[in-house]
Amino acid sequence: MPRLPADARAAPAHGEDGQILVLTLVMVLGLLAVLGLVADGGLLFARHRELQAVADAAARAGAAQLDEAAYRASNGRIAQLDPARARQAARGYLHAAGFGGQAQVSADPASVQVALTQAMRPPIFGAVSGGAVQLTVRALARPRTGITPP
């Protein structure tokens, strides 16, 4: 077997050892960060949707509190709210639903407005940053009776 000259033999490439390890580590950390964002974003989106559903239901509960005297006096043509009972019904719904954040309920004879604010700490990035995200939703409901056209 012929011998190769000394300069033709492969010399070890010092300084390039472990480069794939560093690249792999950077890629894995980047992938974990993206997965954390997706998980936290999904949980925030789901909680926002739940909070909106509670606000909508509370506003509808308030909008069901008609001023019966005005309704009967108009022979069913005028559907206006009893604002005090509407606020009380909306707050009662929030209490029954176990809502633990800040709630602002306002009502007038034409509508009920509910604004809810609640803090949520994302499980992954909230542990890193230590901060919470404020979720705020608003709902508006108006009284309706009978069958209304679309």
N, C-alpha and C. Protein backbone atom coordinates (compact mmCIF):
# COMPACT_ATOMS: atom_id res chain seq x y z
N MET A 1 0.85 -1.15 0.00
CA MET A 1 0.00 0.00 0.00
C MET A 1 0.90 1.22 0.00
N PRO A 2 0.69 2.15 -0.94
CA PRO A 2 1.56 3.31 -1.02
C PRO A 2 1.23 4.29 0.11
N ARG A 3 2.24 4.94 0.56
CA ARG A 3 2.08 5.94 1.64
C ARG A 3 1.86 7.30 1.01
N LEU A 4 0.94 8.06 1.60
CA LEU A 4 0.68 9.43 1.15
C LEU A 4 1.73 10.35 1.75
N PRO A 5 2.09 11.37 1.00
CA PRO A 5 3.02 12.33 1.58
C PRO A 5 2.40 13.00 2.81
N ALA A 6 3.22 13.50 3.69
CA ALA A 6 2.78 14.08 4.95
C ALA A 6 1.84 15.27 4.73
N ASP A 7 2.08 16.04 3.69
CA ASP A 7 1.23 17.21 3.47
C ASP A 7 -0.12 16.84 2.85
N ALA A 8 -0.29 15.64 2.31
CA ALA A 8 -1.54 15.22 1.70
C ALA A 8 -2.48 14.59 2.71
N ARG A 9 -1.97 14.21 3.87
CA ARG A 9 -2.84 13.62 4.89
C ARG A 9 -3.75 14.70 5.49
N ALA A 10 -4.96 14.31 5.85
CA ALA A 10 -5.91 15.26 6.44
C ALA A 10 -5.43 15.68 7.81
N ALA A 11 -5.31 16.95 7.96
CA ALA A 11 -4.91 17.48 9.26
C ALA A 11 -6.18 17.74 10.07
N PRO A 12 -6.13 17.52 11.36
CA PRO A 12 -7.31 17.79 12.17
C PRO A 12 -7.64 19.28 12.13
N ALA A 13 -8.95 19.59 11.99
CA ALA A 13 -9.39 20.98 11.89
C ALA A 13 -9.69 21.51 13.28
N HIS A 14 -8.69 22.06 13.93
CA HIS A 14 -8.89 22.63 15.26
C HIS A 14 -9.67 23.93 15.11
N GLY A 15 -10.56 24.24 16.09
CA GLY A 15 -11.34 25.47 16.04
C GLY A 15 -12.73 25.27 15.46
N GLU A 16 -13.00 24.17 14.81
CA GLU A 16 -14.33 23.91 14.27
C GLU A 16 -15.04 22.82 15.06
N ASP A 17 -14.38 22.28 16.06
CA ASP A 17 -14.99 21.24 16.89
C ASP A 17 -16.16 21.85 17.67
N GLY A 18 -17.31 21.19 17.70
CA GLY A 18 -18.45 21.61 18.51
C GLY A 18 -19.34 22.66 17.89
N GLN A 19 -19.12 23.05 16.65
CA GLN A 19 -19.96 24.08 16.04
C GLN A 19 -21.39 23.60 15.87
N ILE A 20 -21.57 22.35 15.55
CA ILE A 20 -22.93 21.83 15.37
C ILE A 20 -23.67 21.79 16.70
N LEU A 21 -22.94 21.60 17.78
CA LEU A 21 -23.56 21.62 19.11
C LEU A 21 -24.10 23.01 19.43
N VAL A 22 -23.35 24.04 19.14
CA VAL A 22 -23.80 25.41 19.40
C VAL A 22 -25.00 25.74 18.51
N LEU A 23 -24.94 25.37 17.25
CA LEU A 23 -26.05 25.62 16.34
C LEU A 23 -27.31 24.89 16.81
N THR A 24 -27.15 23.66 17.23
CA THR A 24 -28.29 22.87 17.72
C THR A 24 -28.88 23.50 18.97
N LEU A 25 -28.04 23.95 19.87
CA LEU A 25 -28.50 24.58 21.10
C LEU A 25 -29.29 25.86 20.80
N VAL A 26 -28.79 26.68 19.90
CA VAL A 26 -29.49 27.91 19.52
C VAL A 26 -30.84 27.58 18.88
N MET A 27 -30.88 26.60 18.02
CA MET A 27 -32.14 26.22 17.37
C MET A 27 -33.16 25.68 18.37
N VAL A 28 -32.70 24.86 19.31
CA VAL A 28 -33.61 24.30 20.31
C VAL A 28 -34.16 25.41 21.20
N LEU A 29 -33.32 26.35 21.63
CA LEU A 29 -33.80 27.46 22.44
C LEU A 29 -34.80 28.32 21.67
N GLY A 30 -34.54 28.56 20.41
CA GLY A 30 -35.48 29.32 19.58
C GLY A 30 -36.81 28.60 19.44
N LEU A 31 -36.75 27.28 19.24
CA LEU A 31 -37.98 26.49 19.12
C LEU A 31 -38.77 26.51 20.43
N LEU A 32 -38.08 26.41 21.56
CA LEU A 32 -38.77 26.47 22.85
C LEU A 32 -39.42 27.83 23.08
N ALA A 33 -38.76 28.90 22.65
CA ALA A 33 -39.34 30.23 22.78
C ALA A 33 -40.61 30.36 21.94
N VAL A 34 -40.58 29.86 20.73
CA VAL A 34 -41.76 29.92 19.87
C VAL A 34 -42.89 29.07 20.44
N LEU A 35 -42.57 27.89 20.95
CA LEU A 35 -43.60 27.04 21.57
C LEU A 35 -44.20 27.72 22.80
N GLY A 36 -43.37 28.41 23.58
CA GLY A 36 -43.87 29.14 24.74
C GLY A 36 -44.81 30.26 24.34
N LEU A 37 -44.46 30.99 23.28
CA LEU A 37 -45.34 32.05 22.79
C LEU A 37 -46.67 31.50 22.30
N VAL A 38 -46.62 30.38 21.61
CA VAL A 38 -47.84 29.77 21.10
C VAL A 38 -48.72 29.30 22.26
N ALA A 39 -48.12 28.66 23.25
CA ALA A 39 -48.89 28.15 24.39
C ALA A 39 -49.50 29.31 25.19
N ASP A 40 -48.68 30.31 25.52
CA ASP A 40 -49.20 31.45 26.27
C ASP A 40 -50.24 32.22 25.48
N GLY A 41 -50.00 32.43 24.20
CA GLY A 41 -50.97 33.13 23.37
C GLY A 41 -52.29 32.39 23.28
N GLY A 42 -52.24 31.08 23.16
CA GLY A 42 -53.46 30.28 23.11
C GLY A 42 -54.25 30.37 24.41
N LEU A 43 -53.55 30.33 25.53
CA LEU A 43 -54.23 30.44 26.83
C LEU A 43 -54.82 31.83 27.03
N LEU A 44 -54.10 32.86 26.62
CA LEU A 44 -54.64 34.22 26.73
C LEU A 44 -55.86 34.40 25.84
N PHE A 45 -55.81 33.85 24.64
CA PHE A 45 -56.95 33.95 23.72
C PHE A 45 -58.17 33.23 24.30
N ALA A 46 -57.96 32.04 24.85
CA ALA A 46 -59.08 31.28 25.43
C ALA A 46 -59.68 32.01 26.63
N ARG A 47 -58.84 32.57 27.49
CA ARG A 47 -59.34 33.29 28.66
C ARG A 47 -60.08 34.55 28.23
N HIS A 48 -59.60 35.24 27.20
CA HIS A 48 -60.29 36.42 26.69
C HIS A 48 -61.67 36.05 26.17
N ARG A 49 -61.76 34.94 25.48
CA ARG A 49 -63.04 34.48 24.95
C ARG A 49 -64.01 34.14 26.07
N GLU A 50 -63.52 33.47 27.14
CA GLU A 50 -64.36 33.15 28.28
C GLU A 50 -64.84 34.41 28.99
N LEU A 51 -63.94 35.37 29.12
CA LEU A 51 -64.28 36.64 29.77
C LEU A 51 -65.34 37.39 28.96
N GLN A 52 -65.22 37.36 27.64
CA GLN A 52 -66.21 38.01 26.78
C GLN A 52 -67.56 37.33 26.91
N ALA A 53 -67.58 36.01 27.02
CA ALA A 53 -68.84 35.29 27.19
C ALA A 53 -69.53 35.67 28.50
N VAL A 54 -68.75 35.83 29.57
CA VAL A 54 -69.32 36.23 30.87
C VAL A 54 -69.87 37.65 30.77
N ALA A 55 -69.15 38.56 30.14
CA ALA A 55 -69.63 39.94 29.99
C ALA A 55 -70.91 39.99 29.15
N ASP A 56 -70.95 39.23 28.06
CA ASP A 56 -72.15 39.20 27.22
C ASP A 56 -73.35 38.68 28.00
N ALA A 57 -73.16 37.61 28.75
CA ALA A 57 -74.26 37.02 29.51
C ALA A 57 -74.74 37.97 30.61
N ALA A 58 -73.82 38.66 31.27
CA ALA A 58 -74.21 39.60 32.31
C ALA A 58 -75.01 40.76 31.71
N ALA A 59 -74.58 41.25 30.56
CA ALA A 59 -75.31 42.33 29.90
C ALA A 59 -76.70 41.87 29.47
N ARG A 60 -76.80 40.65 28.97
CA ARG A 60 -78.13 40.12 28.59
C ARG A 60 -79.03 39.95 29.80
N ALA A 61 -78.45 39.52 30.93
CA ALA A 61 -79.25 39.38 32.15
C ALA A 61 -79.80 40.74 32.57
N GLY A 62 -78.99 41.78 32.45
CA GLY A 62 -79.46 43.12 32.78
C GLY A 62 -80.50 43.62 31.80
N ALA A 63 -80.34 43.31 30.53
CA ALA A 63 -81.28 43.78 29.50
C ALA A 63 -82.64 43.10 29.60
N ALA A 64 -82.73 42.05 30.36
CA ALA A 64 -84.02 41.37 30.55
C ALA A 64 -84.88 42.05 31.61
N GLN A 65 -84.34 43.04 32.30
CA GLN A 65 -85.07 43.70 33.39
C GLN A 65 -85.83 44.91 32.86
N LEU A 66 -86.97 44.64 32.29
CA LEU A 66 -87.79 45.70 31.70
C LEU A 66 -88.51 46.51 32.78
N ASP A 67 -88.77 47.75 32.45
CA ASP A 67 -89.62 48.60 33.28
C ASP A 67 -91.05 48.18 32.95
N GLU A 68 -91.64 47.37 33.82
CA GLU A 68 -92.95 46.77 33.52
C GLU A 68 -94.05 47.81 33.43
N ALA A 69 -93.97 48.86 34.22
CA ALA A 69 -95.01 49.89 34.18
C ALA A 69 -95.02 50.57 32.81
N ALA A 70 -93.87 50.94 32.30
CA ALA A 70 -93.80 51.60 30.98
C ALA A 70 -94.20 50.62 29.88
N TYR A 71 -93.84 49.36 30.03
CA TYR A 71 -94.17 48.36 29.02
C TYR A 71 -95.68 48.15 28.95
N ARG A 72 -96.32 48.03 30.10
CA ARG A 72 -97.78 47.81 30.12
C ARG A 72 -98.54 49.06 29.70
N ALA A 73 -98.03 50.23 30.09
CA ALA A 73 -98.71 51.47 29.72
C ALA A 73 -98.68 51.69 28.21
N SER A 74 -97.63 51.21 27.54
CA SER A 74 -97.53 51.39 26.09
C SER A 74 -98.14 50.21 25.34
N ASN A 75 -98.77 49.30 26.05
CA ASN A 75 -99.38 48.11 25.45
C ASN A 75 -98.35 47.26 24.71
N GLY A 76 -97.13 47.19 25.29
CA GLY A 76 -96.09 46.34 24.73
C GLY A 76 -95.29 46.95 23.60
N ARG A 77 -95.52 48.22 23.31
CA ARG A 77 -94.79 48.84 22.21
C ARG A 77 -93.43 49.41 22.65
N ILE A 78 -93.30 49.79 23.89
CA ILE A 78 -92.06 50.40 24.38
C ILE A 78 -91.40 49.43 25.36
N ALA A 79 -90.19 49.03 25.01
CA ALA A 79 -89.41 48.16 25.89
C ALA A 79 -88.24 48.98 26.41
N GLN A 80 -88.38 49.45 27.64
CA GLN A 80 -87.27 50.19 28.24
C GLN A 80 -86.89 49.51 29.54
N LEU A 81 -85.66 49.73 29.93
CA LEU A 81 -85.13 49.05 31.11
C LEU A 81 -85.44 49.81 32.39
N ASP A 82 -85.46 49.06 33.46
CA ASP A 82 -85.40 49.62 34.80
C ASP A 82 -83.92 49.63 35.15
N PRO A 83 -83.24 50.77 35.06
CA PRO A 83 -81.78 50.80 35.21
C PRO A 83 -81.26 50.19 36.52
N ALA A 84 -81.94 50.45 37.62
CA ALA A 84 -81.47 49.91 38.91
C ALA A 84 -81.54 48.38 38.91
N ARG A 85 -82.66 47.84 38.46
CA ARG A 85 -82.79 46.38 38.40
C ARG A 85 -81.84 45.78 37.37
N ALA A 86 -81.58 46.49 36.28
CA ALA A 86 -80.66 45.99 35.25
C ALA A 86 -79.24 45.89 35.81
N ARG A 87 -78.79 46.92 36.53
CA ARG A 87 -77.46 46.87 37.14
C ARG A 87 -77.38 45.75 38.17
N GLN A 88 -78.43 45.62 38.96
CA GLN A 88 -78.45 44.58 39.99
C GLN A 88 -78.43 43.18 39.36
N ALA A 89 -79.16 42.97 38.28
CA ALA A 89 -79.19 41.66 37.62
C ALA A 89 -77.83 41.33 36.99
N ALA A 90 -77.20 42.33 36.37
CA ALA A 90 -75.89 42.09 35.76
C ALA A 90 -74.85 41.76 36.82
N ARG A 91 -74.85 42.51 37.92
CA ARG A 91 -73.91 42.22 39.01
C ARG A 91 -74.21 40.87 39.65
N GLY A 92 -75.49 40.54 39.77
CA GLY A 92 -75.86 39.23 40.31
C GLY A 92 -75.35 38.09 39.45
N TYR A 93 -75.43 38.27 38.13
CA TYR A 93 -74.90 37.24 37.23
C TYR A 93 -73.39 37.10 37.40
N LEU A 94 -72.70 38.22 37.49
CA LEU A 94 -71.24 38.16 37.66
C LEU A 94 -70.87 37.47 38.95
N HIS A 95 -71.62 37.74 40.00
CA HIS A 95 -71.37 37.07 41.29
C HIS A 95 -71.64 35.57 41.18
N ALA A 96 -72.75 35.21 40.55
CA ALA A 96 -73.10 33.79 40.40
C ALA A 96 -72.09 33.05 39.52
N ALA A 97 -71.51 33.76 38.54
CA ALA A 97 -70.52 33.14 37.65
C ALA A 97 -69.15 33.04 38.31
N GLY A 98 -68.98 33.67 39.46
CA GLY A 98 -67.71 33.59 40.17
C GLY A 98 -66.63 34.49 39.59
N PHE A 99 -67.04 35.58 38.97
CA PHE A 99 -66.06 36.49 38.38
C PHE A 99 -65.29 37.19 39.49
N GLY A 100 -63.95 37.19 39.38
CA GLY A 100 -63.12 37.74 40.43
C GLY A 100 -62.32 38.95 40.04
N GLY A 101 -62.61 39.59 38.95
CA GLY A 101 -61.85 40.76 38.53
C GLY A 101 -62.61 42.04 38.81
N GLN A 102 -62.27 43.08 38.06
CA GLN A 102 -62.94 44.37 38.21
C GLN A 102 -64.09 44.45 37.21
N ALA A 103 -65.23 44.93 37.69
CA ALA A 103 -66.41 45.04 36.83
C ALA A 103 -66.99 46.44 36.93
N GLN A 104 -67.37 46.97 35.78
CA GLN A 104 -68.09 48.23 35.72
C GLN A 104 -69.40 47.96 34.98
N VAL A 105 -70.49 48.21 35.67
CA VAL A 105 -71.82 47.98 35.09
C VAL A 105 -72.55 49.30 35.08
N SER A 106 -73.06 49.68 33.93
CA SER A 106 -73.87 50.89 33.83
C SER A 106 -75.13 50.55 33.03
N ALA A 107 -76.20 51.25 33.36
CA ALA A 107 -77.46 51.00 32.67
C ALA A 107 -78.24 52.30 32.57
N ASP A 108 -78.97 52.42 31.48
CA ASP A 108 -79.92 53.51 31.29
C ASP A 108 -81.18 52.86 30.72
N PRO A 109 -82.23 53.60 30.48
CA PRO A 109 -83.45 52.96 29.98
C PRO A 109 -83.29 52.26 28.63
N ALA A 110 -82.22 52.55 27.89
CA ALA A 110 -82.07 51.96 26.55
C ALA A 110 -81.08 50.81 26.48
N SER A 111 -80.13 50.70 27.43
CA SER A 111 -79.11 49.66 27.30
C SER A 111 -78.40 49.39 28.61
N VAL A 112 -77.69 48.26 28.61
CA VAL A 112 -76.83 47.87 29.73
C VAL A 112 -75.43 47.68 29.17
N GLN A 113 -74.44 48.26 29.85
CA GLN A 113 -73.05 48.10 29.44
C GLN A 113 -72.27 47.45 30.57
N VAL A 114 -71.47 46.44 30.22
CA VAL A 114 -70.64 45.74 31.19
C VAL A 114 -69.21 45.77 30.67
N ALA A 115 -68.29 46.20 31.52
CA ALA A 115 -66.86 46.20 31.20
C ALA A 115 -66.14 45.39 32.27
N LEU A 116 -65.43 44.38 31.85
CA LEU A 116 -64.71 43.51 32.79
C LEU A 116 -63.22 43.60 32.54
N THR A 117 -62.45 43.62 33.61
CA THR A 117 -61.00 43.62 33.54
C THR A 117 -60.48 42.57 34.51
N GLN A 118 -59.58 41.74 34.01
CA GLN A 118 -59.00 40.70 34.87
C GLN A 118 -57.55 40.48 34.47
N ALA A 119 -56.70 40.29 35.47
CA ALA A 119 -55.28 40.04 35.22
C ALA A 119 -55.06 38.54 35.07
N MET A 120 -54.21 38.19 34.13
CA MET A 120 -53.84 36.79 33.92
C MET A 120 -52.33 36.72 33.74
N ARG A 121 -51.72 35.83 34.45
CA ARG A 121 -50.27 35.64 34.33
C ARG A 121 -50.03 34.46 33.40
N PRO A 122 -49.42 34.70 32.24
CA PRO A 122 -49.13 33.60 31.33
C PRO A 122 -48.20 32.60 32.02
N PRO A 123 -48.47 31.31 31.90
CA PRO A 123 -47.69 30.32 32.65
C PRO A 123 -46.22 30.22 32.26
N ILE A 124 -45.89 30.43 31.01
CA ILE A 124 -44.49 30.24 30.59
C ILE A 124 -43.72 31.55 30.67
N PHE A 125 -44.11 32.54 29.90
CA PHE A 125 -43.38 33.80 29.92
C PHE A 125 -43.72 34.65 31.13
N GLY A 126 -44.85 34.39 31.78
CA GLY A 126 -45.16 35.08 33.02
C GLY A 126 -44.23 34.67 34.14
N ALA A 127 -43.77 33.41 34.10
CA ALA A 127 -42.82 32.95 35.11
C ALA A 127 -41.46 33.60 34.90
N VAL A 128 -41.12 33.88 33.66
CA VAL A 128 -39.84 34.51 33.34
C VAL A 128 -39.89 36.00 33.65
N SER A 129 -40.93 36.68 33.17
CA SER A 129 -41.01 38.13 33.34
C SER A 129 -41.64 38.52 34.67
N GLY A 130 -42.45 37.62 35.24
CA GLY A 130 -43.10 37.91 36.51
C GLY A 130 -44.29 38.84 36.38
N GLY A 131 -44.65 39.24 35.17
CA GLY A 131 -45.74 40.18 34.97
C GLY A 131 -47.03 39.50 34.56
N ALA A 132 -48.12 40.22 34.76
CA ALA A 132 -49.43 39.73 34.36
C ALA A 132 -49.93 40.55 33.17
N VAL A 133 -50.84 39.97 32.44
CA VAL A 133 -51.46 40.64 31.30
C VAL A 133 -52.88 41.02 31.70
N GLN A 134 -53.26 42.27 31.44
CA GLN A 134 -54.61 42.74 31.74
C GLN A 134 -55.52 42.44 30.56
N LEU A 135 -56.57 41.68 30.81
CA LEU A 135 -57.57 41.39 29.78
C LEU A 135 -58.79 42.26 30.05
N THR A 136 -59.27 42.97 29.05
CA THR A 136 -60.43 43.85 29.20
C THR A 136 -61.42 43.55 28.08
N VAL A 137 -62.68 43.38 28.47
CA VAL A 137 -63.74 43.14 27.49
C VAL A 137 -64.92 44.06 27.80
N ARG A 138 -65.72 44.31 26.79
CA ARG A 138 -66.91 45.15 26.94
C ARG A 138 -68.10 44.46 26.26
N ALA A 139 -69.27 44.66 26.86
CA ALA A 139 -70.49 44.09 26.28
C ALA A 139 -71.61 45.12 26.41
N LEU A 140 -72.48 45.12 25.43
CA LEU A 140 -73.63 46.02 25.40
C LEU A 140 -74.86 45.21 25.03
N ALA A 141 -75.94 45.42 25.76
CA ALA A 141 -77.19 44.73 25.44
C ALA A 141 -78.34 45.72 25.54
N ARG A 142 -79.29 45.55 24.65
CA ARG A 142 -80.48 46.40 24.62
C ARG A 142 -81.71 45.53 24.79
N PRO A 143 -82.76 46.06 25.40
CA PRO A 143 -83.97 45.25 25.60
C PRO A 143 -84.71 45.02 24.28
N ARG A 144 -85.23 43.85 24.12
CA ARG A 144 -86.04 43.49 22.96
C ARG A 144 -87.21 42.63 23.44
N THR A 145 -88.34 42.82 22.79
CA THR A 145 -89.49 41.99 23.08
C THR A 145 -90.11 41.55 21.76
N GLY A 146 -90.79 40.45 21.82
CA GLY A 146 -91.50 39.97 20.65
C GLY A 146 -90.57 39.47 19.57
N ILE A 147 -91.09 39.48 18.36
CA ILE A 147 -90.32 39.02 17.22
C ILE A 147 -89.87 40.24 16.42
N THR A 148 -88.56 40.34 16.22
CA THR A 148 -88.04 41.47 15.47
C THR A 148 -87.46 40.98 14.17
N PRO A 149 -87.61 41.75 13.09
CA PRO A 149 -87.04 41.34 11.80
C PRO A 149 -85.53 41.42 11.85
N PRO A 150 -84.84 40.67 11.01
CA PRO A 150 -83.37 40.71 11.01
C PRO A 150 -82.83 42.03 10.51
